[in-house]
Amino acid sequence: MFAELFTPEQIAILTQIIFIDLVLAGDNAIIIGMVASKFPPDQRKKVIFWGIGGAVILRIILTLLTAYLLQITGLRLIGGLLLLYIVYKLYVDVIKGSQKQENINVDNSSFLKAIWTVLLADFTMSLDNVLGVAGAAGEHYYLLVFGLILSIIIMATAATLISRWIKKYKWIAWLGLLAILIVAVQLIYTDIKILLF
């Protein structure tokens, strides 16, 4: 079984998952950091803890749901079209360099409102990451689990560093976008092939 882990197909899938995670997972932690920065240092740690904790739980639930839903004919087509939109959105945000910071309004008077802001951002941003990774992993469930763990590690530890790399080395962002685009086309093609033939 260990030898099977390193087939060319699985190495290609693993590479796709890593680049999808690099481009998408860092966003969550950047949002958490932005929200937390509005609070005094003692509360900042709590916002980061609960924000990352909530993101981890959301990611696990969404991964389990998405892996199941992508087995249903027709939903891969919808998932692929959603990923095409995400590719466009990321192209505008990451490649063209427009910032999403102005869309996030934080009321720093309320700790619970801050957590709610983080969880809402986590939900919308986790969905694209999970969909991309689940689409890339296909039926290789251990690679899906690897993608989930990797996205959590990136989100919890290396988000600021990754965002700096993406700004400095645009090719990382381009490779991430290409990986997501390939997954989107594969999902759409798989469902169209089933529906037409």
Protein backbone atom coordinates (compact mmCIF):
# COMPACT_ATOMS: atom_id res chain seq x y z
CA MET A 1 0.00 0.00 0.00
CA PHE A 2 2.91 2.39 0.73
CA ALA A 3 4.19 1.90 -2.83
CA GLU A 4 0.76 2.85 -4.21
CA LEU A 5 1.01 6.24 -2.50
CA PHE A 6 3.66 7.32 -4.97
CA THR A 7 2.12 6.45 -8.36
CA PRO A 8 2.46 9.26 -10.96
CA GLU A 9 -1.29 9.95 -10.77
CA GLN A 10 -1.20 10.33 -6.99
CA ILE A 11 1.90 12.55 -7.10
CA ALA A 12 0.07 14.79 -9.63
CA ILE A 13 -3.02 14.90 -7.36
CA LEU A 14 -0.86 15.66 -4.31
CA THR A 15 0.85 18.53 -6.19
CA GLN A 16 -2.55 19.96 -7.16
CA ILE A 17 -3.76 19.73 -3.55
CA ILE A 18 -0.64 21.49 -2.22
CA PHE A 19 -0.97 24.42 -4.64
CA ILE A 20 -4.73 24.72 -4.04
CA ASP A 21 -4.05 24.84 -0.29
CA LEU A 22 -1.23 27.37 -0.68
CA VAL A 23 -3.47 29.78 -2.59
CA LEU A 24 -6.73 29.25 -0.68
CA ALA A 25 -5.95 28.19 2.91
CA GLY A 26 -3.87 31.24 3.77
CA ASP A 27 -6.87 33.55 3.22
CA ASN A 28 -8.66 32.24 6.32
CA ALA A 29 -5.77 32.99 8.64
CA ILE A 30 -5.29 36.45 7.12
CA ILE A 31 -8.95 37.23 7.88
CA ILE A 32 -8.56 35.89 11.43
CA GLY A 33 -5.42 38.00 11.90
CA MET A 34 -7.16 41.15 10.58
CA VAL A 35 -10.13 40.69 12.92
CA ALA A 36 -7.87 39.86 15.90
CA SER A 37 -5.70 42.93 15.31
CA LYS A 38 -8.65 45.17 16.27
CA PHE A 39 -8.54 43.84 19.86
CA PRO A 40 -6.18 44.31 22.80
CA PRO A 41 -3.43 41.64 23.11
CA ASP A 42 -5.21 39.57 25.83
CA GLN A 43 -8.39 39.22 23.72
CA ARG A 44 -6.44 38.83 20.45
CA LYS A 45 -5.26 35.33 21.43
CA LYS A 46 -8.84 34.29 22.20
CA VAL A 47 -10.11 35.56 18.82
CA ILE A 48 -7.31 33.65 17.03
CA PHE A 49 -7.95 30.49 19.10
CA TRP A 50 -11.73 30.48 18.54
CA GLY A 51 -11.39 31.60 14.93
CA ILE A 52 -8.99 28.79 14.01
CA GLY A 53 -10.97 26.29 16.13
CA GLY A 54 -14.18 27.22 14.30
CA ALA A 55 -12.42 27.03 10.94
CA VAL A 56 -11.08 23.54 11.73
CA ILE A 57 -14.56 22.25 12.68
CA LEU A 58 -16.12 23.85 9.56
CA ARG A 59 -13.41 22.36 7.37
CA ILE A 60 -13.98 18.83 8.73
CA ILE A 61 -17.79 19.07 8.27
CA LEU A 62 -17.49 20.60 4.78
CA THR A 63 -14.89 18.01 3.70
CA LEU A 64 -17.12 15.10 4.73
CA LEU A 65 -20.18 16.67 3.05
CA THR A 66 -18.34 17.64 -0.15
CA ALA A 67 -16.68 14.23 -0.57
CA TYR A 68 -20.15 12.64 -0.37
CA LEU A 69 -21.94 15.22 -2.54
CA LEU A 70 -19.37 15.05 -5.36
CA GLN A 71 -20.32 11.39 -5.87
CA ILE A 72 -23.82 12.50 -7.01
CA THR A 73 -24.15 13.01 -10.78
CA GLY A 74 -24.88 16.62 -11.66
CA LEU A 75 -23.33 18.10 -8.52
CA ARG A 76 -19.80 17.78 -9.91
CA LEU A 77 -20.92 20.00 -12.80
CA ILE A 78 -22.20 22.61 -10.32
CA GLY A 79 -19.00 22.23 -8.27
CA GLY A 80 -16.86 22.67 -11.39
CA LEU A 81 -18.76 25.82 -12.40
CA LEU A 82 -18.39 27.19 -8.85
CA LEU A 83 -14.64 26.52 -9.04
CA LEU A 84 -14.46 28.40 -12.38
CA TYR A 85 -16.00 31.39 -10.59
CA ILE A 86 -13.47 30.97 -7.76
CA VAL A 87 -10.62 30.93 -10.32
CA TYR A 88 -11.91 34.24 -11.73
CA LYS A 89 -12.35 35.73 -8.22
CA LEU A 90 -8.83 34.67 -7.22
CA TYR A 91 -7.39 36.02 -10.46
CA VAL A 92 -8.91 39.43 -9.65
CA ASP A 93 -7.94 39.32 -5.94
CA VAL A 94 -4.53 37.64 -6.01
CA ILE A 95 -3.03 38.15 -9.48
CA LYS A 96 -4.36 41.66 -10.11
CA GLY A 97 -3.67 42.52 -6.47
CA SER A 98 -6.97 44.02 -5.35
CA GLN A 99 -7.43 43.64 -1.61
CA LYS A 100 -10.50 42.18 0.10
CA GLN A 101 -9.77 43.96 3.39
CA GLU A 102 -12.29 46.73 2.82
CA ASN A 103 -15.15 44.17 2.79
CA ILE A 104 -14.61 43.20 6.40
CA ASN A 105 -16.14 45.43 9.03
CA VAL A 106 -15.24 44.53 12.59
CA ASP A 107 -17.01 45.89 15.63
CA ASN A 108 -14.16 45.72 18.13
CA SER A 109 -16.55 46.48 21.00
CA SER A 110 -17.90 42.92 20.94
CA PHE A 111 -15.84 39.77 21.23
CA LEU A 112 -18.79 37.60 20.09
CA LYS A 113 -19.38 39.78 17.02
CA ALA A 114 -15.71 39.37 16.11
CA ILE A 115 -15.93 35.56 16.42
CA TRP A 116 -19.11 35.62 14.28
CA THR A 117 -17.31 37.70 11.62
CA VAL A 118 -14.44 35.18 11.59
CA LEU A 119 -16.79 32.17 11.38
CA LEU A 120 -18.74 33.69 8.46
CA ALA A 121 -15.50 34.40 6.61
CA ASP A 122 -14.27 30.88 7.48
CA PHE A 123 -17.42 29.30 6.05
CA THR A 124 -17.27 31.07 2.69
CA MET A 125 -13.50 30.70 2.35
CA SER A 126 -13.37 27.10 3.58
CA LEU A 127 -15.99 26.07 1.03
CA ASP A 128 -13.81 26.97 -1.96
CA ASN A 129 -10.77 25.27 -0.42
CA VAL A 130 -12.63 22.07 0.45
CA LEU A 131 -14.32 21.94 -2.97
CA GLY A 132 -10.98 22.38 -4.73
CA VAL A 133 -9.20 19.74 -2.64
CA ALA A 134 -12.13 17.25 -2.79
CA GLY A 135 -12.35 17.71 -6.56
CA ALA A 136 -8.60 17.16 -6.98
CA ALA A 137 -8.49 14.15 -4.63
CA GLY A 138 -11.41 12.37 -6.34
CA GLU A 139 -11.79 8.92 -4.77
CA HIS A 140 -8.36 9.01 -3.11
CA TYR A 141 -9.73 9.61 0.39
CA TYR A 142 -6.35 9.53 2.16
CA LEU A 143 -5.24 12.40 -0.14
CA LEU A 144 -8.44 14.24 0.79
CA VAL A 145 -7.54 13.82 4.48
CA PHE A 146 -3.98 14.98 3.71
CA GLY A 147 -5.41 18.09 2.00
CA LEU A 148 -7.64 18.80 5.01
CA ILE A 149 -4.73 18.48 7.48
CA LEU A 150 -2.43 20.56 5.26
CA SER A 151 -4.99 23.38 4.92
CA ILE A 152 -5.43 23.48 8.72
CA ILE A 153 -1.64 23.58 9.27
CA ILE A 154 -1.21 26.37 6.68
CA MET A 155 -4.12 28.33 8.14
CA ALA A 156 -2.88 27.99 11.72
CA THR A 157 0.83 28.66 11.17
CA ALA A 158 2.04 29.93 7.83
CA ALA A 159 -0.68 32.18 6.41
CA THR A 160 1.22 35.46 6.70
CA LEU A 161 4.34 33.90 5.19
CA ILE A 162 2.33 32.31 2.33
CA SER A 163 0.54 35.57 1.55
CA ARG A 164 3.93 37.33 1.40
CA TRP A 165 5.29 34.63 -0.95
CA ILE A 166 2.25 34.92 -3.22
CA LYS A 167 2.68 38.71 -3.42
CA LYS A 168 6.42 38.37 -4.09
CA TYR A 169 6.37 35.31 -6.38
CA LYS A 170 3.32 35.54 -8.64
CA TRP A 171 4.09 32.12 -10.19
CA ILE A 172 2.88 30.43 -6.96
CA ALA A 173 -0.51 32.11 -7.39
CA TRP A 174 -0.58 31.20 -11.11
CA LEU A 175 0.20 27.53 -10.32
CA GLY A 176 -2.56 27.52 -7.68
CA LEU A 177 -5.04 28.99 -10.15
CA LEU A 178 -3.99 26.47 -12.80
CA ALA A 179 -4.47 23.59 -10.34
CA ILE A 180 -7.99 24.82 -9.46
CA LEU A 181 -8.83 25.35 -13.16
CA ILE A 182 -7.76 21.76 -13.98
CA VAL A 183 -9.95 20.43 -11.15
CA ALA A 184 -12.92 22.54 -12.36
CA VAL A 185 -12.58 21.25 -15.95
CA GLN A 186 -12.23 17.62 -14.72
CA LEU A 187 -15.37 17.91 -12.55
CA ILE A 188 -17.40 19.46 -15.40
CA TYR A 189 -16.09 16.93 -17.97
CA THR A 190 -16.83 13.94 -15.69
CA ASP A 191 -20.47 14.95 -15.21
CA ILE A 192 -21.06 15.95 -18.85
CA LYS A 193 -19.62 12.58 -19.97
CA ILE A 194 -21.99 10.73 -17.59
CA LEU A 195 -25.00 12.86 -18.55
CA LEU A 196 -24.43 12.59 -22.34
CA PHE A 197 -23.27 9.01 -22.68
